[in-house]
Amino acid sequence: MGVITIPFDYTELTHPRIIPICIADTDARGAPVCRGWIEQGVVPVVDPLLRIAERLLADKYRASEITEYAVHSLSRTHGENIGDRPTVKVLNRARLHAVDLRAGGRRSRRKLDVELFVETLESLQDQYDIAAHLEATDTLDRIIEQLELLGLDRVKELLPWMLQNTEGHELTRQFGQKRNTITTRFYRGMRKAADAAGITWE
């Protein structure tokens, strides 16, 4: 079994201030890991993965642990079919695993879902790490379902752009409105969908 280290050229001498992410190149069943999940799913979001580990587990060095879990599970489930948003899928799996570890298991983690989603909605106003926060809660599918039922098509259309934390000028170019207008519309729509889904907060 080998280990893939990110950055790929990492050494303690050349990167003394960098915390590497290390991933075994075969999973627990001995199956080789699809490198696409690493090259296209992990490499572009190393910093968010480190932040997830620090914020949820109070230890940046555990980024390797949650990232390896994400890569191995995605590779085992999807193989070479990484799709067009592998980074979001990696962040999703990694954060879910981090929340499970923090909560003491998946069942305990589910009790935190509403709390996490409320924090997400509040953070949207500040454009705070949406991908690593919203994608990693079990409430997302419920919200999308309600957006469809409520006819909030524009908010649903905005969702992938907001999940990728798209720059303001790109949002303006794509949707023809100022960033603040887009963000406010998205935030209000998400709160409306959350209410309809029965997700409440103070």
N, C-alpha and C. Protein backbone atom coordinates (compact mmCIF):
# COMPACT_ATOMS: atom_id res chain seq x y z
N MET A 1 0.84 -1.20 0.00
CA MET A 1 0.00 0.00 0.00
C MET A 1 0.87 1.24 0.00
N GLY A 2 0.60 2.14 -0.95
CA GLY A 2 1.32 3.39 -1.01
C GLY A 2 0.48 4.53 -0.47
N VAL A 3 1.09 5.68 -0.32
CA VAL A 3 0.40 6.86 0.18
C VAL A 3 0.60 8.01 -0.81
N ILE A 4 -0.49 8.67 -1.15
CA ILE A 4 -0.44 9.84 -2.03
C ILE A 4 -0.48 11.08 -1.14
N THR A 5 0.51 11.93 -1.30
CA THR A 5 0.62 13.12 -0.47
C THR A 5 0.33 14.37 -1.29
N ILE A 6 -0.43 15.27 -0.73
CA ILE A 6 -0.75 16.54 -1.37
C ILE A 6 -0.22 17.66 -0.49
N PRO A 7 0.62 18.55 -1.04
CA PRO A 7 1.07 18.66 -2.44
C PRO A 7 1.85 17.42 -2.89
N PHE A 8 1.78 17.15 -4.19
CA PHE A 8 2.43 15.95 -4.72
C PHE A 8 3.95 15.99 -4.54
N ASP A 9 4.51 17.20 -4.50
CA ASP A 9 5.96 17.33 -4.34
C ASP A 9 6.35 17.66 -2.90
N TYR A 10 5.47 17.33 -1.97
CA TYR A 10 5.70 17.72 -0.58
C TYR A 10 6.91 17.03 0.05
N THR A 11 7.70 17.86 0.74
CA THR A 11 8.72 17.38 1.68
C THR A 11 8.75 18.39 2.81
N GLU A 12 9.19 17.95 3.96
CA GLU A 12 9.25 18.87 5.11
C GLU A 12 10.25 20.00 4.86
N LEU A 13 11.26 19.73 4.05
CA LEU A 13 12.27 20.74 3.78
C LEU A 13 11.75 21.81 2.82
N THR A 14 11.03 21.38 1.78
CA THR A 14 10.55 22.35 0.79
C THR A 14 9.24 23.00 1.17
N HIS A 15 8.47 22.36 2.06
CA HIS A 15 7.17 22.91 2.46
C HIS A 15 7.04 22.89 3.99
N PRO A 16 7.91 23.60 4.69
CA PRO A 16 7.93 23.51 6.15
C PRO A 16 6.67 24.04 6.84
N ARG A 17 5.93 24.91 6.17
CA ARG A 17 4.76 25.52 6.80
C ARG A 17 3.44 24.92 6.30
N ILE A 18 3.52 23.93 5.46
CA ILE A 18 2.32 23.34 4.88
C ILE A 18 1.94 22.06 5.62
N ILE A 19 0.65 21.91 5.90
CA ILE A 19 0.14 20.66 6.46
C ILE A 19 -0.29 19.79 5.29
N PRO A 20 0.38 18.67 5.06
CA PRO A 20 0.04 17.84 3.91
C PRO A 20 -1.22 17.02 4.18
N ILE A 21 -1.88 16.62 3.11
CA ILE A 21 -2.99 15.68 3.20
C ILE A 21 -2.51 14.37 2.60
N CYS A 22 -2.59 13.31 3.38
CA CYS A 22 -2.08 12.00 2.96
C CYS A 22 -3.23 11.01 2.80
N ILE A 23 -3.24 10.33 1.66
CA ILE A 23 -4.34 9.41 1.33
C ILE A 23 -3.75 8.09 0.85
N ALA A 24 -4.16 6.99 1.46
CA ALA A 24 -3.71 5.67 1.01
C ALA A 24 -4.23 5.42 -0.40
N ASP A 25 -3.38 4.85 -1.26
CA ASP A 25 -3.78 4.67 -2.65
C ASP A 25 -4.62 3.41 -2.88
N THR A 26 -4.88 2.65 -1.82
CA THR A 26 -5.83 1.54 -1.89
C THR A 26 -6.75 1.62 -0.68
N ASP A 27 -8.00 1.19 -0.84
CA ASP A 27 -8.94 1.28 0.28
C ASP A 27 -8.82 0.07 1.19
N ALA A 28 -9.70 0.00 2.18
CA ALA A 28 -9.63 -1.07 3.18
C ALA A 28 -9.86 -2.45 2.58
N ARG A 29 -10.49 -2.48 1.41
CA ARG A 29 -10.75 -3.75 0.75
C ARG A 29 -9.65 -4.13 -0.24
N GLY A 30 -8.64 -3.28 -0.32
CA GLY A 30 -7.52 -3.55 -1.21
C GLY A 30 -7.72 -3.07 -2.62
N ALA A 31 -8.81 -2.34 -2.87
CA ALA A 31 -9.08 -1.83 -4.21
C ALA A 31 -8.31 -0.53 -4.45
N PRO A 32 -7.70 -0.36 -5.62
CA PRO A 32 -7.00 0.89 -5.92
C PRO A 32 -7.95 2.07 -6.00
N VAL A 33 -7.50 3.20 -5.52
CA VAL A 33 -8.33 4.41 -5.51
C VAL A 33 -8.21 5.12 -6.86
N CYS A 34 -9.34 5.58 -7.36
CA CYS A 34 -9.34 6.37 -8.60
C CYS A 34 -8.66 7.71 -8.34
N ARG A 35 -7.57 7.99 -9.04
CA ARG A 35 -6.81 9.22 -8.78
C ARG A 35 -7.57 10.48 -9.17
N GLY A 36 -8.59 10.33 -10.01
CA GLY A 36 -9.36 11.51 -10.40
C GLY A 36 -10.01 12.19 -9.20
N TRP A 37 -10.42 11.38 -8.21
CA TRP A 37 -11.02 11.97 -7.02
C TRP A 37 -10.02 12.79 -6.23
N ILE A 38 -8.75 12.42 -6.34
CA ILE A 38 -7.70 13.17 -5.65
C ILE A 38 -7.28 14.39 -6.47
N GLU A 39 -6.97 14.16 -7.74
CA GLU A 39 -6.45 15.23 -8.58
C GLU A 39 -7.48 16.32 -8.85
N GLN A 40 -8.74 15.92 -9.05
CA GLN A 40 -9.77 16.89 -9.39
C GLN A 40 -10.73 17.18 -8.24
N GLY A 41 -10.77 16.28 -7.25
CA GLY A 41 -11.69 16.47 -6.15
C GLY A 41 -11.07 17.01 -4.89
N VAL A 42 -9.80 16.68 -4.65
CA VAL A 42 -9.13 17.11 -3.42
C VAL A 42 -8.20 18.30 -3.64
N VAL A 43 -7.35 18.20 -4.62
CA VAL A 43 -6.32 19.23 -4.83
C VAL A 43 -6.89 20.65 -4.87
N PRO A 44 -8.01 20.90 -5.58
CA PRO A 44 -8.51 22.28 -5.64
C PRO A 44 -9.09 22.80 -4.33
N VAL A 45 -9.37 21.90 -3.36
CA VAL A 45 -10.04 22.35 -2.13
C VAL A 45 -9.27 21.94 -0.87
N VAL A 46 -7.96 21.93 -0.96
CA VAL A 46 -7.14 21.56 0.20
C VAL A 46 -7.39 22.50 1.37
N ASP A 47 -7.41 23.78 1.13
CA ASP A 47 -7.60 24.74 2.23
C ASP A 47 -8.95 24.57 2.92
N PRO A 48 -10.07 24.44 2.15
CA PRO A 48 -11.35 24.19 2.83
C PRO A 48 -11.35 22.89 3.63
N LEU A 49 -10.67 21.87 3.16
CA LEU A 49 -10.61 20.61 3.91
C LEU A 49 -9.86 20.80 5.23
N LEU A 50 -8.80 21.57 5.19
CA LEU A 50 -8.06 21.87 6.43
C LEU A 50 -8.93 22.67 7.39
N ARG A 51 -9.72 23.59 6.85
CA ARG A 51 -10.60 24.40 7.71
C ARG A 51 -11.69 23.54 8.35
N ILE A 52 -12.22 22.59 7.58
CA ILE A 52 -13.24 21.69 8.14
C ILE A 52 -12.66 20.92 9.32
N ALA A 53 -11.46 20.38 9.13
CA ALA A 53 -10.82 19.61 10.20
C ALA A 53 -10.56 20.49 11.43
N GLU A 54 -10.13 21.69 11.19
CA GLU A 54 -9.84 22.59 12.31
C GLU A 54 -11.12 23.01 13.03
N ARG A 55 -12.15 23.35 12.25
CA ARG A 55 -13.37 23.85 12.85
C ARG A 55 -14.17 22.76 13.56
N LEU A 56 -14.25 21.58 12.97
CA LEU A 56 -15.09 20.53 13.55
C LEU A 56 -14.34 19.59 14.49
N LEU A 57 -13.05 19.40 14.24
CA LEU A 57 -12.28 18.46 15.05
C LEU A 57 -11.16 19.12 15.84
N ALA A 58 -11.04 20.45 15.67
CA ALA A 58 -10.03 21.22 16.39
C ALA A 58 -8.61 20.75 16.10
N ASP A 59 -8.41 20.22 14.90
CA ASP A 59 -7.08 19.70 14.55
C ASP A 59 -6.93 19.64 13.03
N LYS A 60 -6.16 20.56 12.46
CA LYS A 60 -5.96 20.58 11.02
C LYS A 60 -5.34 19.29 10.50
N TYR A 61 -4.56 18.65 11.34
CA TYR A 61 -3.85 17.45 10.89
C TYR A 61 -4.81 16.28 10.65
N ARG A 62 -6.03 16.39 11.13
CA ARG A 62 -7.01 15.34 10.88
C ARG A 62 -7.68 15.50 9.51
N ALA A 63 -7.24 16.49 8.75
CA ALA A 63 -7.75 16.65 7.38
C ALA A 63 -7.45 15.41 6.55
N SER A 64 -6.31 14.79 6.80
CA SER A 64 -5.97 13.55 6.08
C SER A 64 -6.99 12.46 6.36
N GLU A 65 -7.39 12.36 7.60
CA GLU A 65 -8.33 11.31 8.01
C GLU A 65 -9.68 11.47 7.31
N ILE A 66 -10.23 12.67 7.33
CA ILE A 66 -11.56 12.87 6.74
C ILE A 66 -11.50 12.88 5.22
N THR A 67 -10.38 13.34 4.67
CA THR A 67 -10.25 13.37 3.21
C THR A 67 -10.06 11.96 2.66
N GLU A 68 -9.27 11.15 3.34
CA GLU A 68 -9.09 9.77 2.90
C GLU A 68 -10.42 9.03 2.92
N TYR A 69 -11.20 9.24 3.96
CA TYR A 69 -12.52 8.61 4.03
C TYR A 69 -13.37 9.03 2.83
N ALA A 70 -13.37 10.33 2.54
CA ALA A 70 -14.17 10.84 1.42
C ALA A 70 -13.73 10.23 0.10
N VAL A 71 -12.44 10.24 -0.15
CA VAL A 71 -11.91 9.72 -1.41
C VAL A 71 -12.17 8.23 -1.56
N HIS A 72 -11.91 7.48 -0.52
CA HIS A 72 -12.10 6.03 -0.59
C HIS A 72 -13.57 5.67 -0.82
N SER A 73 -14.46 6.34 -0.12
CA SER A 73 -15.87 6.01 -0.27
C SER A 73 -16.40 6.43 -1.64
N LEU A 74 -15.99 7.58 -2.12
CA LEU A 74 -16.43 8.04 -3.43
C LEU A 74 -15.86 7.17 -4.55
N SER A 75 -14.60 6.80 -4.40
CA SER A 75 -13.97 5.94 -5.40
C SER A 75 -14.64 4.57 -5.43
N ARG A 76 -14.96 4.06 -4.26
CA ARG A 76 -15.60 2.75 -4.18
C ARG A 76 -17.01 2.79 -4.78
N THR A 77 -17.72 3.90 -4.56
CA THR A 77 -19.11 4.02 -5.02
C THR A 77 -19.20 4.39 -6.50
N HIS A 78 -18.36 5.34 -6.92
CA HIS A 78 -18.50 5.90 -8.28
C HIS A 78 -17.37 5.51 -9.23
N GLY A 79 -16.29 4.99 -8.71
CA GLY A 79 -15.18 4.63 -9.58
C GLY A 79 -14.63 5.82 -10.35
N GLU A 80 -14.45 5.64 -11.65
CA GLU A 80 -13.89 6.69 -12.49
C GLU A 80 -14.89 7.80 -12.82
N ASN A 81 -16.14 7.58 -12.52
CA ASN A 81 -17.19 8.55 -12.84
C ASN A 81 -17.23 9.65 -11.78
N ILE A 82 -16.34 10.63 -11.90
CA ILE A 82 -16.25 11.67 -10.89
C ILE A 82 -17.24 12.81 -11.12
N GLY A 83 -17.86 12.87 -12.28
CA GLY A 83 -18.84 13.92 -12.55
C GLY A 83 -18.21 15.28 -12.76
N ASP A 84 -19.06 16.31 -12.78
CA ASP A 84 -18.56 17.65 -13.08
C ASP A 84 -18.33 18.50 -11.83
N ARG A 85 -18.61 17.95 -10.62
CA ARG A 85 -18.39 18.72 -9.39
C ARG A 85 -17.76 17.83 -8.32
N PRO A 86 -16.61 17.24 -8.64
CA PRO A 86 -15.99 16.34 -7.66
C PRO A 86 -15.57 17.03 -6.37
N THR A 87 -15.22 18.31 -6.45
CA THR A 87 -14.79 19.01 -5.24
C THR A 87 -15.92 19.10 -4.22
N VAL A 88 -17.12 19.40 -4.69
CA VAL A 88 -18.26 19.51 -3.78
C VAL A 88 -18.56 18.16 -3.15
N LYS A 89 -18.45 17.09 -3.93
CA LYS A 89 -18.70 15.74 -3.39
C LYS A 89 -17.67 15.38 -2.34
N VAL A 90 -16.41 15.73 -2.59
CA VAL A 90 -15.36 15.44 -1.61
C VAL A 90 -15.60 16.24 -0.33
N LEU A 91 -15.90 17.53 -0.47
CA LEU A 91 -16.16 18.36 0.70
C LEU A 91 -17.36 17.82 1.48
N ASN A 92 -18.37 17.39 0.75
CA ASN A 92 -19.56 16.84 1.39
C ASN A 92 -19.22 15.62 2.24
N ARG A 93 -18.57 14.63 1.65
CA ARG A 93 -18.22 13.41 2.38
C ARG A 93 -17.27 13.69 3.54
N ALA A 94 -16.29 14.54 3.29
CA ALA A 94 -15.31 14.83 4.33
C ALA A 94 -15.96 15.52 5.52
N ARG A 95 -16.83 16.47 5.24
CA ARG A 95 -17.49 17.18 6.35
C ARG A 95 -18.43 16.26 7.10
N LEU A 96 -19.19 15.44 6.37
CA LEU A 96 -20.08 14.50 7.04
C LEU A 96 -19.30 13.58 7.99
N HIS A 97 -18.16 13.11 7.52
CA HIS A 97 -17.35 12.23 8.36
C HIS A 97 -16.81 12.98 9.56
N ALA A 98 -16.42 14.23 9.36
CA ALA A 98 -15.92 15.04 10.48
C ALA A 98 -17.02 15.26 11.51
N VAL A 99 -18.23 15.53 11.04
CA VAL A 99 -19.35 15.74 11.96
C VAL A 99 -19.66 14.45 12.70
N ASP A 100 -19.61 13.31 11.98
CA ASP A 100 -19.82 12.01 12.64
C ASP A 100 -18.79 11.79 13.74
N LEU A 101 -17.54 12.07 13.43
CA LEU A 101 -16.47 11.88 14.41
C LEU A 101 -16.67 12.78 15.62
N ARG A 102 -17.05 14.02 15.36
CA ARG A 102 -17.26 14.96 16.46
C ARG A 102 -18.46 14.56 17.32
N ALA A 103 -19.51 14.07 16.68
CA ALA A 103 -20.75 13.75 17.39
C ALA A 103 -20.73 12.38 18.03
N GLY A 104 -19.77 11.56 17.64
CA GLY A 104 -19.70 10.21 18.20
C GLY A 104 -20.44 9.18 17.40
N GLY A 105 -20.72 9.49 16.13
CA GLY A 105 -21.40 8.52 15.28
C GLY A 105 -22.46 9.17 14.44
N ARG A 106 -22.92 8.46 13.39
CA ARG A 106 -23.89 9.03 12.45
C ARG A 106 -25.22 9.34 13.11
N ARG A 107 -25.69 8.45 13.99
CA ARG A 107 -26.98 8.69 14.62
C ARG A 107 -26.96 9.96 15.46
N SER A 108 -25.89 10.15 16.19
CA SER A 108 -25.76 11.38 17.00
C SER A 108 -25.62 12.59 16.11
N ARG A 109 -24.94 12.42 14.98
CA ARG A 109 -24.73 13.53 14.06
C ARG A 109 -26.04 14.07 13.51
N ARG A 110 -27.00 13.19 13.26
CA ARG A 110 -28.26 13.63 12.68
C ARG A 110 -28.98 14.63 13.59
N LYS A 111 -28.75 14.55 14.88
CA LYS A 111 -29.36 15.49 15.80
C LYS A 111 -28.80 16.90 15.62
N LEU A 112 -27.61 16.97 15.01
CA LEU A 112 -26.98 18.27 14.82
C LEU A 112 -27.33 18.91 13.49
N ASP A 113 -28.04 18.18 12.60
CA ASP A 113 -28.27 18.67 11.25
C ASP A 113 -28.98 20.02 11.21
N VAL A 114 -30.06 20.16 11.98
CA VAL A 114 -30.81 21.40 11.96
C VAL A 114 -29.94 22.54 12.47
N GLU A 115 -29.19 22.27 13.54
CA GLU A 115 -28.29 23.30 14.09
C GLU A 115 -27.28 23.75 13.05
N LEU A 116 -26.71 22.78 12.32
CA LEU A 116 -25.73 23.11 11.29
C LEU A 116 -26.36 23.89 10.16
N PHE A 117 -27.59 23.53 9.79
CA PHE A 117 -28.23 24.23 8.69
C PHE A 117 -28.59 25.66 9.06
N VAL A 118 -29.05 25.85 10.30
CA VAL A 118 -29.35 27.20 10.76
C VAL A 118 -28.10 28.07 10.68
N GLU A 119 -26.98 27.52 11.13
CA GLU A 119 -25.71 28.24 11.08
C GLU A 119 -25.36 28.59 9.64
N THR A 120 -25.67 27.67 8.72
CA THR A 120 -25.41 27.90 7.30
C THR A 120 -26.21 29.08 6.78
N LEU A 121 -27.51 29.09 7.09
CA LEU A 121 -28.36 30.17 6.59
C LEU A 121 -27.87 31.53 7.09
N GLU A 122 -27.49 31.56 8.35
CA GLU A 122 -26.99 32.82 8.90
C GLU A 122 -25.69 33.23 8.22
N SER A 123 -24.86 32.25 7.91
CA SER A 123 -23.56 32.55 7.33
C SER A 123 -23.65 32.95 5.86
N LEU A 124 -24.75 32.61 5.20
CA LEU A 124 -24.87 32.96 3.79
C LEU A 124 -24.77 34.47 3.59
N GLN A 125 -25.25 35.22 4.58
CA GLN A 125 -25.20 36.67 4.46
C GLN A 125 -23.76 37.17 4.37
N ASP A 126 -22.84 36.41 4.92
CA ASP A 126 -21.43 36.80 4.90
C ASP A 126 -20.62 36.01 3.90
N GLN A 127 -21.29 35.20 3.05
CA GLN A 127 -20.59 34.39 2.05
C GLN A 127 -19.54 33.49 2.70
N TYR A 128 -19.93 32.81 3.77
CA TYR A 128 -18.96 32.02 4.54
C TYR A 128 -18.94 30.56 4.15
N ASP A 129 -17.90 30.11 3.50
CA ASP A 129 -17.61 28.69 3.28
C ASP A 129 -18.87 27.86 3.04
N ILE A 130 -19.68 28.27 2.05
CA ILE A 130 -20.98 27.64 1.83
C ILE A 130 -20.83 26.19 1.43
N ALA A 131 -19.92 25.89 0.53
CA ALA A 131 -19.79 24.51 0.03
C ALA A 131 -19.52 23.53 1.15
N ALA A 132 -18.60 23.88 2.04
CA ALA A 132 -18.21 22.96 3.10
C ALA A 132 -19.26 22.89 4.20
N HIS A 133 -20.23 23.81 4.17
CA HIS A 133 -21.19 23.88 5.25
C HIS A 133 -22.54 23.32 4.83
N LEU A 134 -23.08 23.84 3.73
CA LEU A 134 -24.42 23.45 3.31
C LEU A 134 -24.45 22.05 2.71
N GLU A 135 -23.49 21.74 1.86
CA GLU A 135 -23.50 20.45 1.19
C GLU A 135 -23.39 19.29 2.17
N ALA A 136 -22.86 19.56 3.34
CA ALA A 136 -22.56 18.47 4.26
C ALA A 136 -23.66 18.23 5.28
N THR A 137 -24.88 18.69 5.02
CA THR A 137 -25.99 18.39 5.92
C THR A 137 -27.03 17.59 5.17
N ASP A 138 -27.72 16.72 5.90
CA ASP A 138 -28.74 15.87 5.29
C ASP A 138 -29.97 16.67 4.90
N THR A 139 -30.01 17.94 5.26
CA THR A 139 -31.18 18.76 4.97
C THR A 139 -31.20 19.27 3.54
N LEU A 140 -30.10 19.16 2.83
CA LEU A 140 -30.01 19.78 1.50
C LEU A 140 -31.07 19.23 0.56
N ASP A 141 -31.26 17.92 0.52
CA ASP A 141 -32.26 17.34 -0.38
C ASP A 141 -33.66 17.84 -0.05
N ARG A 142 -33.93 18.01 1.23
CA ARG A 142 -35.24 18.52 1.64
C ARG A 142 -35.44 19.95 1.17
N ILE A 143 -34.39 20.73 1.23
CA ILE A 143 -34.47 22.12 0.80
C ILE A 143 -34.71 22.20 -0.71
N ILE A 144 -33.96 21.41 -1.46
CA ILE A 144 -34.11 21.41 -2.92
C ILE A 144 -35.53 21.00 -3.31
N GLU A 145 -36.07 20.00 -2.62
CA GLU A 145 -37.43 19.55 -2.90
C GLU A 145 -38.43 20.69 -2.68
N GLN A 146 -38.23 21.44 -1.60
CA GLN A 146 -39.15 22.54 -1.31
C GLN A 146 -38.97 23.70 -2.29
N LEU A 147 -37.76 23.95 -2.73
CA LEU A 147 -37.54 24.98 -3.74
C LEU A 147 -38.34 24.67 -5.00
N GLU A 148 -38.35 23.39 -5.37
CA GLU A 148 -39.10 22.96 -6.55
C GLU A 148 -40.60 23.12 -6.34
N LEU A 149 -41.09 22.70 -5.16
CA LEU A 149 -42.52 22.78 -4.87
C LEU A 149 -43.00 24.24 -4.80
N LEU A 150 -42.14 25.12 -4.31
CA LEU A 150 -42.50 26.53 -4.17
C LEU A 150 -42.29 27.33 -5.45
N GLY A 151 -41.73 26.68 -6.46
CA GLY A 151 -41.49 27.37 -7.73
C GLY A 151 -40.35 28.37 -7.66
N LEU A 152 -39.43 28.18 -6.71
CA LEU A 152 -38.29 29.09 -6.57
C LEU A 152 -37.15 28.61 -7.47
N ASP A 153 -37.43 28.63 -8.77
CA ASP A 153 -36.47 28.08 -9.74
C ASP A 153 -35.17 28.86 -9.77
N ARG A 154 -35.26 30.18 -9.62
CA ARG A 154 -34.03 30.98 -9.68
C ARG A 154 -33.14 30.69 -8.48
N VAL A 155 -33.74 30.50 -7.32
CA VAL A 155 -32.95 30.17 -6.13
C VAL A 155 -32.28 28.82 -6.32
N LYS A 156 -33.02 27.86 -6.86
CA LYS A 156 -32.44 26.54 -7.13
C LYS A 156 -31.32 26.66 -8.16
N GLU A 157 -31.51 27.52 -9.15
CA GLU A 157 -30.47 27.73 -10.16
C GLU A 157 -29.22 28.35 -9.55
N LEU A 158 -29.43 29.20 -8.57
CA LEU A 158 -28.30 29.85 -7.90
C LEU A 158 -27.51 28.90 -7.01
N LEU A 159 -28.18 27.85 -6.53
CA LEU A 159 -27.58 26.99 -5.52
C LEU A 159 -26.19 26.48 -5.87
N PRO A 160 -25.98 25.85 -7.04
CA PRO A 160 -24.63 25.35 -7.33
C PRO A 160 -23.59 26.46 -7.41
N TRP A 161 -24.01 27.64 -7.86
CA TRP A 161 -23.07 28.76 -7.94
C TRP A 161 -22.66 29.21 -6.54
N MET A 162 -23.64 29.26 -5.64
CA MET A 162 -23.35 29.68 -4.27
C MET A 162 -22.54 28.62 -3.54
N LEU A 163 -22.81 27.36 -3.83
CA LEU A 163 -22.05 26.28 -3.20
C LEU A 163 -20.58 26.35 -3.56
N GLN A 164 -20.31 26.84 -4.76
CA GLN A 164 -18.92 26.95 -5.20
C GLN A 164 -18.31 28.29 -4.82
N ASN A 165 -19.09 29.09 -4.04
CA ASN A 165 -18.59 30.39 -3.58
C ASN A 165 -18.10 31.25 -4.74
N THR A 166 -18.93 31.32 -5.78
CA THR A 166 -18.59 32.05 -7.00
C THR A 166 -18.35 33.53 -6.70
N GLU A 167 -17.37 34.09 -7.36
CA GLU A 167 -17.05 35.50 -7.17
C GLU A 167 -18.24 36.38 -7.60
N GLY A 168 -18.36 37.55 -6.94
CA GLY A 168 -19.47 38.45 -7.19
C GLY A 168 -19.59 38.87 -8.64
N HIS A 169 -18.47 39.17 -9.28
CA HIS A 169 -18.52 39.64 -10.67
C HIS A 169 -19.02 38.54 -11.60
N GLU A 170 -18.73 37.28 -11.26
CA GLU A 170 -19.19 36.17 -12.09
C GLU A 170 -20.69 35.97 -11.92
N LEU A 171 -21.18 36.13 -10.69
CA LEU A 171 -22.61 36.05 -10.44
C LEU A 171 -23.35 37.15 -11.21
N THR A 172 -22.79 38.34 -11.18
CA THR A 172 -23.40 39.46 -11.89
C THR A 172 -23.43 39.19 -13.39
N ARG A 173 -22.35 38.66 -13.92
CA ARG A 173 -22.29 38.37 -15.36
C ARG A 173 -23.30 37.30 -15.73
N GLN A 174 -23.45 36.31 -14.87
CA GLN A 174 -24.34 35.18 -15.18
C GLN A 174 -25.81 35.52 -15.00
N PHE A 175 -26.12 36.31 -13.94
CA PHE A 175 -27.53 36.53 -13.61
C PHE A 175 -27.99 37.97 -13.83
N GLY A 176 -27.09 38.86 -14.20
CA GLY A 176 -27.48 40.21 -14.57
C GLY A 176 -27.95 41.09 -13.43
N GLN A 177 -27.53 40.76 -12.22
CA GLN A 177 -27.90 41.57 -11.07
C GLN A 177 -26.68 41.78 -10.18
N LYS A 178 -26.77 42.78 -9.27
CA LYS A 178 -25.67 43.02 -8.35
C LYS A 178 -25.56 41.86 -7.36
N ARG A 179 -24.35 41.67 -6.85
CA ARG A 179 -24.10 40.56 -5.93
C ARG A 179 -25.01 40.62 -4.72
N ASN A 180 -25.17 41.81 -4.13
CA ASN A 180 -26.00 41.93 -2.93
C ASN A 180 -27.45 41.53 -3.22
N THR A 181 -27.95 41.92 -4.39
CA THR A 181 -29.31 41.57 -4.78
C THR A 181 -29.46 40.06 -4.92
N ILE A 182 -28.47 39.44 -5.57
CA ILE A 182 -28.49 37.98 -5.77
C ILE A 182 -28.43 37.26 -4.44
N THR A 183 -27.51 37.69 -3.57
CA THR A 183 -27.33 37.03 -2.28
C THR A 183 -28.58 37.16 -1.41
N THR A 184 -29.17 38.34 -1.40
CA THR A 184 -30.38 38.56 -0.60
C THR A 184 -31.52 37.68 -1.11
N ARG A 185 -31.68 37.62 -2.42
CA ARG A 185 -32.73 36.79 -3.00
C ARG A 185 -32.51 35.32 -2.65
N PHE A 186 -31.28 34.89 -2.75
CA PHE A 186 -30.96 33.50 -2.45
C PHE A 186 -31.23 33.20 -0.98
N TYR A 187 -30.78 34.07 -0.11
CA TYR A 187 -30.94 33.88 1.33
C TYR A 187 -32.42 33.80 1.72
N ARG A 188 -33.22 34.72 1.19
CA ARG A 188 -34.65 34.72 1.50
C ARG A 188 -35.33 33.46 0.98
N GLY A 189 -34.96 33.05 -0.24
CA GLY A 189 -35.55 31.85 -0.81
C GLY A 189 -35.21 30.61 -0.02
N MET A 190 -33.96 30.53 0.45
CA MET A 190 -33.53 29.37 1.23
C MET A 190 -34.25 29.32 2.57
N ARG A 191 -34.45 30.47 3.18
CA ARG A 191 -35.18 30.50 4.45
C ARG A 191 -36.63 30.08 4.25
N LYS A 192 -37.22 30.52 3.14
CA LYS A 192 -38.60 30.15 2.84
C LYS A 192 -38.72 28.64 2.63
N ALA A 193 -37.76 28.07 1.90
CA ALA A 193 -37.76 26.63 1.65
C ALA A 193 -37.51 25.87 2.94
N ALA A 194 -36.63 26.41 3.80
CA ALA A 194 -36.36 25.76 5.08
C ALA A 194 -37.61 25.73 5.95
N ASP A 195 -38.35 26.85 5.96
CA ASP A 195 -39.61 26.89 6.71
C ASP A 195 -40.58 25.83 6.19
N ALA A 196 -40.69 25.74 4.87
CA ALA A 196 -41.60 24.77 4.27
C ALA A 196 -41.18 23.33 4.56
N ALA A 197 -39.87 23.12 4.73
CA ALA A 197 -39.36 21.79 5.02
C ALA A 197 -39.45 21.44 6.50
N GLY A 198 -39.92 22.41 7.30
CA GLY A 198 -40.07 22.16 8.73
C GLY A 198 -38.80 22.32 9.52
N ILE A 199 -37.83 23.04 8.96
CA ILE A 199 -36.57 23.32 9.64
C ILE A 199 -36.72 24.67 10.29
N THR A 200 -36.69 24.70 11.61
CA THR A 200 -36.95 25.94 12.33
C THR A 200 -35.74 26.36 13.14
N TRP A 201 -35.69 27.63 13.48
CA TRP A 201 -34.62 28.18 14.30
C TRP A 201 -35.17 29.36 15.07
N GLU A 202 -34.41 29.83 16.02
CA GLU A 202 -34.85 30.97 16.84
C GLU A 202 -34.90 32.23 16.02
